[in-house]
Amino acid sequence: MRRSGEWWLTTPVLSLRVDDPVFAGDLDRYAADLADAQQAIAALRSARGGS
């Protein structure tokens, strides 16, 4: 999860802040790619009539 501009790996009992800038950058890119994919799917559904 991203909280206050930092990435955290969380479980129900533990949270660890991601200190590795390379890993954090990978998470940023993954989150951006996922958001792009979700927008593309929403656009396709909208074009097909909202299924």
PDB file of N, CA and C in Angstrom:
ATOM      1  N   MET A   1       0.849  -1.158   0.000  1.00  0.00           N
ATOM      2  CA  MET A   1       0.000   0.000   0.000  1.00  0.00           C
ATOM      3  C   MET A   1       0.899   1.226   0.000  1.00  0.00           C
ATOM      4  N   ARG A   2       0.407   2.300  -0.571  1.00  0.00           N
ATOM      5  CA  ARG A   2       1.148   3.560  -0.572  1.00  0.00           C
ATOM      6  C   ARG A   2       0.482   4.480   0.448  1.00  0.00           C
ATOM      7  N   ARG A   3       1.272   4.931   1.420  1.00  0.00           N
ATOM      8  CA  ARG A   3       0.743   5.782   2.483  1.00  0.00           C
ATOM      9  C   ARG A   3       1.716   6.934   2.703  1.00  0.00           C
ATOM     10  N   SER A   4       1.207   8.150   2.653  1.00  0.00           N
ATOM     11  CA  SER A   4       2.020   9.354   2.878  1.00  0.00           C
ATOM     12  C   SER A   4       3.257   9.387   1.980  1.00  0.00           C
ATOM     13  N   GLY A   5       3.074   8.972   0.740  1.00  0.00           N
ATOM     14  CA  GLY A   5       4.162   9.026  -0.231  1.00  0.00           C
ATOM     15  C   GLY A   5       5.193   7.922  -0.109  1.00  0.00           C
ATOM     16  N   GLU A   6       4.937   6.932   0.755  1.00  0.00           N
ATOM     17  CA  GLU A   6       5.872   5.820   0.933  1.00  0.00           C
ATOM     18  C   GLU A   6       5.135   4.504   0.711  1.00  0.00           C
ATOM     19  N   TRP A   7       5.867   3.521   0.196  1.00  0.00           N
ATOM     20  CA  TRP A   7       5.306   2.184   0.034  1.00  0.00           C
ATOM     21  C   TRP A   7       5.476   1.381   1.310  1.00  0.00           C
ATOM     22  N   TRP A   8       4.424   0.629   1.650  1.00  0.00           N
ATOM     23  CA  TRP A   8       4.433  -0.250   2.816  1.00  0.00           C
ATOM     24  C   TRP A   8       3.949  -1.630   2.384  1.00  0.00           C
ATOM     25  N   LEU A   9       4.652  -2.659   2.822  1.00  0.00           N
ATOM     26  CA  LEU A   9       4.190  -4.028   2.656  1.00  0.00           C
ATOM     27  C   LEU A   9       3.439  -4.377   3.933  1.00  0.00           C
ATOM     28  N   THR A  10       2.196  -4.813   3.775  1.00  0.00           N
ATOM     29  CA  THR A  10       1.361  -5.005   4.957  1.00  0.00           C
ATOM     30  C   THR A  10       0.738  -6.397   4.999  1.00  0.00           C
ATOM     31  N   THR A  11       0.519  -6.867   6.200  1.00  0.00           N
ATOM     32  CA  THR A  11      -0.260  -8.065   6.494  1.00  0.00           C
ATOM     33  C   THR A  11      -1.211  -7.668   7.616  1.00  0.00           C
ATOM     34  N   PRO A  12      -2.103  -8.564   8.001  1.00  0.00           N
ATOM     35  CA  PRO A  12      -2.994  -8.215   9.118  1.00  0.00           C
ATOM     36  C   PRO A  12      -2.260  -7.916  10.429  1.00  0.00           C
ATOM     37  N   VAL A  13      -1.028  -8.406  10.586  1.00  0.00           N
ATOM     38  CA  VAL A  13      -0.335  -8.219  11.861  1.00  0.00           C
ATOM     39  C   VAL A  13       0.945  -7.400  11.775  1.00  0.00           C
ATOM     40  N   LEU A  14       1.381  -7.031  10.570  1.00  0.00           N
ATOM     41  CA  LEU A  14       2.682  -6.386  10.427  1.00  0.00           C
ATOM     42  C   LEU A  14       2.694  -5.439   9.235  1.00  0.00           C
ATOM     43  N   SER A  15       3.391  -4.324   9.364  1.00  0.00           N
ATOM     44  CA  SER A  15       3.623  -3.406   8.254  1.00  0.00           C
ATOM     45  C   SER A  15       5.107  -3.084   8.190  1.00  0.00           C
ATOM     46  N   LEU A  16       5.674  -3.153   6.991  1.00  0.00           N
ATOM     47  CA  LEU A  16       7.082  -2.838   6.776  1.00  0.00           C
ATOM     48  C   LEU A  16       7.197  -1.771   5.708  1.00  0.00           C
ATOM     49  N   ARG A  17       7.917  -0.701   6.027  1.00  0.00           N
ATOM     50  CA  ARG A  17       8.134   0.363   5.049  1.00  0.00           C
ATOM     51  C   ARG A  17       9.183  -0.108   4.045  1.00  0.00           C
ATOM     52  N   VAL A  18       8.944   0.178   2.761  1.00  0.00           N
ATOM     53  CA  VAL A  18       9.903  -0.176   1.719  1.00  0.00           C
ATOM     54  C   VAL A  18      10.986   0.898   1.694  1.00  0.00           C
ATOM     55  N   ASP A  19      12.211   0.512   2.046  1.00  0.00           N
ATOM     56  CA  ASP A  19      13.329   1.452   2.082  1.00  0.00           C
ATOM     57  C   ASP A  19      14.173   1.434   0.806  1.00  0.00           C
ATOM     58  N   ASP A  20      14.031   0.391   0.001  1.00  0.00           N
ATOM     59  CA  ASP A  20      14.831   0.242  -1.211  1.00  0.00           C
ATOM     60  C   ASP A  20      14.247   1.122  -2.327  1.00  0.00           C
ATOM     61  N   PRO A  21      14.980   2.154  -2.781  1.00  0.00           N
ATOM     62  CA  PRO A  21      14.432   3.055  -3.803  1.00  0.00           C
ATOM     63  C   PRO A  21      14.186   2.363  -5.142  1.00  0.00           C
ATOM     64  N   VAL A  22      14.970   1.340  -5.466  1.00  0.00           N
ATOM     65  CA  VAL A  22      14.758   0.620  -6.724  1.00  0.00           C
ATOM     66  C   VAL A  22      13.444  -0.157  -6.663  1.00  0.00           C
ATOM     67  N   PHE A  23      13.232  -0.854  -5.558  1.00  0.00           N
ATOM     68  CA  PHE A  23      11.988  -1.608  -5.381  1.00  0.00           C
ATOM     69  C   PHE A  23      10.785  -0.664  -5.343  1.00  0.00           C
ATOM     70  N   ALA A  24      10.926   0.458  -4.651  1.00  0.00           N
ATOM     71  CA  ALA A  24       9.837   1.442  -4.593  1.00  0.00           C
ATOM     72  C   ALA A  24       9.526   1.970  -5.993  1.00  0.00           C
ATOM     73  N   GLY A  25      10.556   2.196  -6.797  1.00  0.00           N
ATOM     74  CA  GLY A  25      10.347   2.639  -8.177  1.00  0.00           C
ATOM     75  C   GLY A  25       9.619   1.587  -8.994  1.00  0.00           C
ATOM     76  N   ASP A  26       9.972   0.315  -8.775  1.00  0.00           N
ATOM     77  CA  ASP A  26       9.268  -0.767  -9.458  1.00  0.00           C
ATOM     78  C   ASP A  26       7.792  -0.790  -9.057  1.00  0.00           C
ATOM     79  N   LEU A  27       7.521  -0.587  -7.776  1.00  0.00           N
ATOM     80  CA  LEU A  27       6.130  -0.536  -7.318  1.00  0.00           C
ATOM     81  C   LEU A  27       5.386   0.647  -7.938  1.00  0.00           C
ATOM     82  N   ASP A  28       6.052   1.798  -8.052  1.00  0.00           N
ATOM     83  CA  ASP A  28       5.437   2.964  -8.701  1.00  0.00           C
ATOM     84  C   ASP A  28       5.067   2.654 -10.145  1.00  0.00           C
ATOM     85  N   ARG A  29       5.997   2.028 -10.884  1.00  0.00           N
ATOM     86  CA  ARG A  29       5.736   1.684 -12.283  1.00  0.00           C
ATOM     87  C   ARG A  29       4.603   0.661 -12.397  1.00  0.00           C
ATOM     88  N   TYR A  30       4.605  -0.334 -11.514  1.00  0.00           N
ATOM     89  CA  TYR A  30       3.544  -1.331 -11.520  1.00  0.00           C
ATOM     90  C   TYR A  30       2.182  -0.674 -11.258  1.00  0.00           C
ATOM     91  N   ALA A  31       2.123   0.203 -10.275  1.00  0.00           N
ATOM     92  CA  ALA A  31       0.859   0.881  -9.950  1.00  0.00           C
ATOM     93  C   ALA A  31       0.382   1.736 -11.127  1.00  0.00           C
ATOM     94  N   ALA A  32       1.300   2.417 -11.796  1.00  0.00           N
ATOM     95  CA  ALA A  32       0.929   3.235 -12.961  1.00  0.00           C
ATOM     96  C   ALA A  32       0.426   2.354 -14.098  1.00  0.00           C
ATOM     97  N   ASP A  33       1.104   1.233 -14.344  1.00  0.00           N
ATOM     98  CA  ASP A  33       0.669   0.303 -15.393  1.00  0.00           C
ATOM     99  C   ASP A  33      -0.706  -0.275 -15.071  1.00  0.00           C
ATOM    100  N   LEU A  34      -0.932  -0.621 -13.815  1.00  0.00           N
ATOM    101  CA  LEU A  34      -2.228  -1.159 -13.408  1.00  0.00           C
ATOM    102  C   LEU A  34      -3.335  -0.120 -13.598  1.00  0.00           C
ATOM    103  N   ALA A  35      -3.065   1.120 -13.232  1.00  0.00           N
ATOM    104  CA  ALA A  35      -4.062   2.186 -13.418  1.00  0.00           C
ATOM    105  C   ALA A  35      -4.362   2.386 -14.901  1.00  0.00           C
ATOM    106  N   ASP A  36      -3.332   2.345 -15.748  1.00  0.00           N
ATOM    107  CA  ASP A  36      -3.543   2.469 -17.201  1.00  0.00           C
ATOM    108  C   ASP A  36      -4.401   1.331 -17.728  1.00  0.00           C
ATOM    109  N   ALA A  37      -4.131   0.114 -17.266  1.00  0.00           N
ATOM    110  CA  ALA A  37      -4.904  -1.044 -17.703  1.00  0.00           C
ATOM    111  C   ALA A  37      -6.361  -0.928 -17.258  1.00  0.00           C
ATOM    112  N   GLN A  38      -6.588  -0.480 -16.034  1.00  0.00           N
ATOM    113  CA  GLN A  38      -7.959  -0.318 -15.546  1.00  0.00           C
ATOM    114  C   GLN A  38      -8.710   0.735 -16.358  1.00  0.00           C
ATOM    115  N   GLN A  39      -8.025   1.809 -16.733  1.00  0.00           N
ATOM    116  CA  GLN A  39      -8.667   2.829 -17.560  1.00  0.00           C
ATOM    117  C   GLN A  39      -8.984   2.293 -18.945  1.00  0.00           C
ATOM    118  N   ALA A  40      -8.093   1.496 -19.507  1.00  0.00           N
ATOM    119  CA  ALA A  40      -8.331   0.914 -20.832  1.00  0.00           C
ATOM    120  C   ALA A  40      -9.527  -0.035 -20.795  1.00  0.00           C
ATOM    121  N   ILE A  41      -9.631  -0.841 -19.744  1.00  0.00           N
ATOM    122  CA  ILE A  41     -10.765  -1.763 -19.605  1.00  0.00           C
ATOM    123  C   ILE A  41     -12.065  -0.979 -19.445  1.00  0.00           C
ATOM    124  N   ALA A  42     -12.037   0.073 -18.649  1.00  0.00           N
ATOM    125  CA  ALA A  42     -13.234   0.903 -18.468  1.00  0.00           C
ATOM    126  C   ALA A  42     -13.657   1.538 -19.792  1.00  0.00           C
ATOM    127  N   ALA A  43     -12.705   1.983 -20.587  1.00  0.00           N
ATOM    128  CA  ALA A  43     -13.016   2.584 -21.880  1.00  0.00           C
ATOM    129  C   ALA A  43     -13.627   1.540 -22.824  1.00  0.00           C
ATOM    130  N   LEU A  44     -13.095   0.320 -22.818  1.00  0.00           N
ATOM    131  CA  LEU A  44     -13.649  -0.741 -23.659  1.00  0.00           C
ATOM    132  C   LEU A  44     -15.066  -1.095 -23.226  1.00  0.00           C
ATOM    133  N   ARG A  45     -15.283  -1.183 -21.918  1.00  0.00           N
ATOM    134  CA  ARG A  45     -16.635  -1.492 -21.437  1.00  0.00           C
ATOM    135  C   ARG A  45     -17.610  -0.393 -21.797  1.00  0.00           C
ATOM    136  N   SER A  46     -17.165   0.842 -21.701  1.00  0.00           N
ATOM    137  CA  SER A  46     -18.011   1.982 -22.037  1.00  0.00           C
ATOM    138  C   SER A  46     -18.366   1.959 -23.525  1.00  0.00           C
ATOM    139  N   ALA A  47     -17.386   1.628 -24.348  1.00  0.00           N
ATOM    140  CA  ALA A  47     -17.613   1.578 -25.804  1.00  0.00           C
ATOM    141  C   ALA A  47     -18.554   0.438 -26.180  1.00  0.00           C
ATOM    142  N   ARG A  48     -18.561  -0.632 -25.369  1.00  0.00           N
ATOM    143  CA  ARG A  48     -19.414  -1.790 -25.651  1.00  0.00           C
ATOM    144  C   ARG A  48     -20.794  -1.648 -25.028  1.00  0.00           C
ATOM    145  N   GLY A  49     -21.025  -0.600 -24.312  1.00  0.00           N
ATOM    146  CA  GLY A  49     -22.352  -0.392 -23.742  1.00  0.00           C
ATOM    147  C   GLY A  49     -22.439  -0.629 -22.256  1.00  0.00           C
ATOM    148  N   GLY A  50     -21.308  -0.685 -21.570  1.00  0.00           N
ATOM    149  CA  GLY A  50     -21.317  -0.756 -20.119  1.00  0.00           C
ATOM    150  C   GLY A  50     -21.514  -2.122 -19.517  1.00  0.00           C
ATOM    151  N   SER A  51     -21.163  -3.212 -20.211  1.00  0.00           N
ATOM    152  CA  SER A  51     -21.347  -4.563 -19.650  1.00  0.00           C
ATOM    153  C   SER A  51     -20.557  -4.769 -18.402  1.00  0.00           C
TER     154      SER A  51
END
